[in-house]
Amino acid sequence: MQEKWITPCIPGRKSRNKAVKYDKRHYKRRNRIEILLAGFDRAYNQRRQRVLEGKSPHLKVEERIKLIPSLANFHYKVKEPEDLKAKVDDVLYYANDVSQPVR
């Protein structure tokens, strides 16, 4: 960590052979940053809910495209569900093949 200019602020465990120097003041104040980040996260989620007005993002986009048709990308082609299902089946098949233990 010191190679990357990071100073540890969480003390090491008692069972650690070599003691790690840490900043006690930062360790005591570590929850302030967590609380601050939680506040930003909460504010972001509240803003998102206000903008979406309780609707899913997909419905909100459809609504906006109906109001302003120039926002739509006419070159976009919706994928067929059968193609998607076949790809999902392939992924599951290969995932099962890879996750099996070698005997």
C-alpha atoms as a PDB file:
ATOM      1  CA  MET A   1       0.000   0.000   0.000  1.00  0.00           C
ATOM      2  CA  GLN A   2       2.812   2.377   0.757  1.00  0.00           C
ATOM      3  CA  GLU A   3       4.160   1.899  -2.775  1.00  0.00           C
ATOM      4  CA  LYS A   4       0.910   3.476  -4.027  1.00  0.00           C
ATOM      5  CA  TRP A   5       1.081   6.282  -1.439  1.00  0.00           C
ATOM      6  CA  ILE A   6      -1.872   4.871   0.518  1.00  0.00           C
ATOM      7  CA  THR A   7      -1.711   5.086   4.296  1.00  0.00           C
ATOM      8  CA  PRO A   8      -3.684   2.460   6.202  1.00  0.00           C
ATOM      9  CA  CYS A   9      -6.243   3.726   8.677  1.00  0.00           C
ATOM     10  CA  ILE A  10      -7.592   0.374   9.924  1.00  0.00           C
ATOM     11  CA  PRO A  11      -5.482  -1.365  12.555  1.00  0.00           C
ATOM     12  CA  GLY A  12      -4.159  -4.870  11.973  1.00  0.00           C
ATOM     13  CA  ARG A  13      -5.411  -7.896  13.860  1.00  0.00           C
ATOM     14  CA  LYS A  14      -3.873  -9.039  17.131  1.00  0.00           C
ATOM     15  CA  SER A  15      -2.703 -12.255  15.527  1.00  0.00           C
ATOM     16  CA  ARG A  16      -0.637 -10.376  12.919  1.00  0.00           C
ATOM     17  CA  ASN A  17       3.089 -11.022  13.313  1.00  0.00           C
ATOM     18  CA  LYS A  18       4.207  -7.570  12.159  1.00  0.00           C
ATOM     19  CA  ALA A  19       2.349  -4.542  13.487  1.00  0.00           C
ATOM     20  CA  VAL A  20       0.983  -2.073  10.938  1.00  0.00           C
ATOM     21  CA  LYS A  21       1.187   1.620  11.718  1.00  0.00           C
ATOM     22  CA  TYR A  22      -2.142   3.329  11.238  1.00  0.00           C
ATOM     23  CA  ASP A  23      -3.666   6.733  11.805  1.00  0.00           C
ATOM     24  CA  LYS A  24      -5.930   6.541  14.846  1.00  0.00           C
ATOM     25  CA  ARG A  25      -7.653   9.837  14.039  1.00  0.00           C
ATOM     26  CA  HIS A  26      -8.648   8.646  10.563  1.00  0.00           C
ATOM     27  CA  TYR A  27      -9.774   5.319  12.016  1.00  0.00           C
ATOM     28  CA  LYS A  28     -12.107   7.104  14.442  1.00  0.00           C
ATOM     29  CA  ARG A  29     -13.511   9.295  11.648  1.00  0.00           C
ATOM     30  CA  ARG A  30     -13.939   6.549   8.999  1.00  0.00           C
ATOM     31  CA  ASN A  31     -17.701   6.370   9.526  1.00  0.00           C
ATOM     32  CA  ARG A  32     -18.097  10.049   8.560  1.00  0.00           C
ATOM     33  CA  ILE A  33     -17.091   9.260   4.987  1.00  0.00           C
ATOM     34  CA  GLU A  34     -19.448   6.281   4.889  1.00  0.00           C
ATOM     35  CA  ILE A  35     -22.309   8.457   6.171  1.00  0.00           C
ATOM     36  CA  LEU A  36     -21.482  11.143   3.600  1.00  0.00           C
ATOM     37  CA  LEU A  37     -21.458   8.622   0.740  1.00  0.00           C
ATOM     38  CA  ALA A  38     -24.717   7.089   1.956  1.00  0.00           C
ATOM     39  CA  GLY A  39     -26.256  10.572   1.919  1.00  0.00           C
ATOM     40  CA  PHE A  40     -25.143  11.132  -1.682  1.00  0.00           C
ATOM     41  CA  ASP A  41     -26.541   7.742  -2.643  1.00  0.00           C
ATOM     42  CA  ARG A  42     -29.869   8.514  -0.989  1.00  0.00           C
ATOM     43  CA  ALA A  43     -30.077  11.925  -2.682  1.00  0.00           C
ATOM     44  CA  TYR A  44     -29.266  10.375  -6.073  1.00  0.00           C
ATOM     45  CA  ASN A  45     -31.978   7.738  -5.660  1.00  0.00           C
ATOM     46  CA  GLN A  46     -34.541  10.342  -4.578  1.00  0.00           C
ATOM     47  CA  ARG A  47     -33.716  12.504  -7.611  1.00  0.00           C
ATOM     48  CA  ARG A  48     -34.011   9.485  -9.900  1.00  0.00           C
ATOM     49  CA  GLN A  49     -37.430   8.660  -8.478  1.00  0.00           C
ATOM     50  CA  ARG A  50     -38.606  12.265  -8.943  1.00  0.00           C
ATOM     51  CA  VAL A  51     -37.457  12.280 -12.574  1.00  0.00           C
ATOM     52  CA  LEU A  52     -39.008   8.901 -13.362  1.00  0.00           C
ATOM     53  CA  GLU A  53     -42.241   9.758 -11.515  1.00  0.00           C
ATOM     54  CA  GLY A  54     -42.579   6.190 -10.256  1.00  0.00           C
ATOM     55  CA  LYS A  55     -42.288   4.660 -13.750  1.00  0.00           C
ATOM     56  CA  SER A  56     -39.688   2.264 -15.070  1.00  0.00           C
ATOM     57  CA  PRO A  57     -36.885   3.794 -17.177  1.00  0.00           C
ATOM     58  CA  HIS A  58     -38.170   1.900 -20.228  1.00  0.00           C
ATOM     59  CA  LEU A  59     -41.655   3.424 -19.946  1.00  0.00           C
ATOM     60  CA  LYS A  60     -40.215   6.893 -19.371  1.00  0.00           C
ATOM     61  CA  VAL A  61     -38.081   6.622 -22.537  1.00  0.00           C
ATOM     62  CA  GLU A  62     -41.085   5.476 -24.578  1.00  0.00           C
ATOM     63  CA  GLU A  63     -43.073   8.415 -23.234  1.00  0.00           C
ATOM     64  CA  ARG A  64     -40.328  10.885 -24.200  1.00  0.00           C
ATOM     65  CA  ILE A  65     -40.030   9.406 -27.707  1.00  0.00           C
ATOM     66  CA  LYS A  66     -43.773   9.806 -28.225  1.00  0.00           C
ATOM     67  CA  LEU A  67     -43.507  13.462 -27.213  1.00  0.00           C
ATOM     68  CA  ILE A  68     -40.348  14.174 -29.255  1.00  0.00           C
ATOM     69  CA  PRO A  69     -40.034  11.664 -32.129  1.00  0.00           C
ATOM     70  CA  SER A  70     -36.680  13.112 -33.239  1.00  0.00           C
ATOM     71  CA  LEU A  71     -35.078  11.502 -30.166  1.00  0.00           C
ATOM     72  CA  ALA A  72     -35.684   8.018 -31.555  1.00  0.00           C
ATOM     73  CA  ASN A  73     -32.907   6.103 -33.297  1.00  0.00           C
ATOM     74  CA  PHE A  74     -34.582   4.688 -36.389  1.00  0.00           C
ATOM     75  CA  HIS A  75     -31.572   2.499 -37.236  1.00  0.00           C
ATOM     76  CA  TYR A  76     -32.052   0.447 -34.076  1.00  0.00           C
ATOM     77  CA  LYS A  77     -33.527  -3.011 -34.657  1.00  0.00           C
ATOM     78  CA  VAL A  78     -35.236  -4.864 -31.843  1.00  0.00           C
ATOM     79  CA  LYS A  79     -33.750  -8.322 -31.387  1.00  0.00           C
ATOM     80  CA  GLU A  80     -36.065 -11.248 -31.756  1.00  0.00           C
ATOM     81  CA  PRO A  81     -36.806 -13.047 -28.490  1.00  0.00           C
ATOM     82  CA  GLU A  82     -36.006 -16.418 -30.078  1.00  0.00           C
ATOM     83  CA  ASP A  83     -32.473 -15.273 -30.927  1.00  0.00           C
ATOM     84  CA  LEU A  84     -32.038 -14.075 -27.372  1.00  0.00           C
ATOM     85  CA  LYS A  85     -33.326 -17.351 -25.951  1.00  0.00           C
ATOM     86  CA  ALA A  86     -30.927 -19.344 -28.112  1.00  0.00           C
ATOM     87  CA  LYS A  87     -27.990 -17.228 -26.933  1.00  0.00           C
ATOM     88  CA  VAL A  88     -29.014 -17.646 -23.286  1.00  0.00           C
ATOM     89  CA  ASP A  89     -29.252 -21.418 -23.780  1.00  0.00           C
ATOM     90  CA  ASP A  90     -25.750 -21.434 -25.306  1.00  0.00           C
ATOM     91  CA  VAL A  91     -24.333 -19.428 -22.404  1.00  0.00           C
ATOM     92  CA  LEU A  92     -25.949 -21.755 -19.852  1.00  0.00           C
ATOM     93  CA  TYR A  93     -24.683 -24.840 -21.699  1.00  0.00           C
ATOM     94  CA  TYR A  94     -21.091 -23.573 -21.778  1.00  0.00           C
ATOM     95  CA  ALA A  95     -21.290 -22.340 -18.176  1.00  0.00           C
ATOM     96  CA  ASN A  96     -22.371 -25.797 -17.031  1.00  0.00           C
ATOM     97  CA  ASP A  97     -19.614 -27.345 -19.112  1.00  0.00           C
ATOM     98  CA  VAL A  98     -16.960 -25.115 -17.545  1.00  0.00           C
ATOM     99  CA  SER A  99     -18.224 -25.382 -13.965  1.00  0.00           C
ATOM    100  CA  GLN A 100     -18.072 -29.198 -13.843  1.00  0.00           C
ATOM    101  CA  PRO A 101     -15.085 -30.599 -11.890  1.00  0.00           C
ATOM    102  CA  VAL A 102     -12.501 -32.592 -13.814  1.00  0.00           C
ATOM    103  CA  ARG A 103     -12.394 -36.235 -12.706  1.00  0.00           C
END
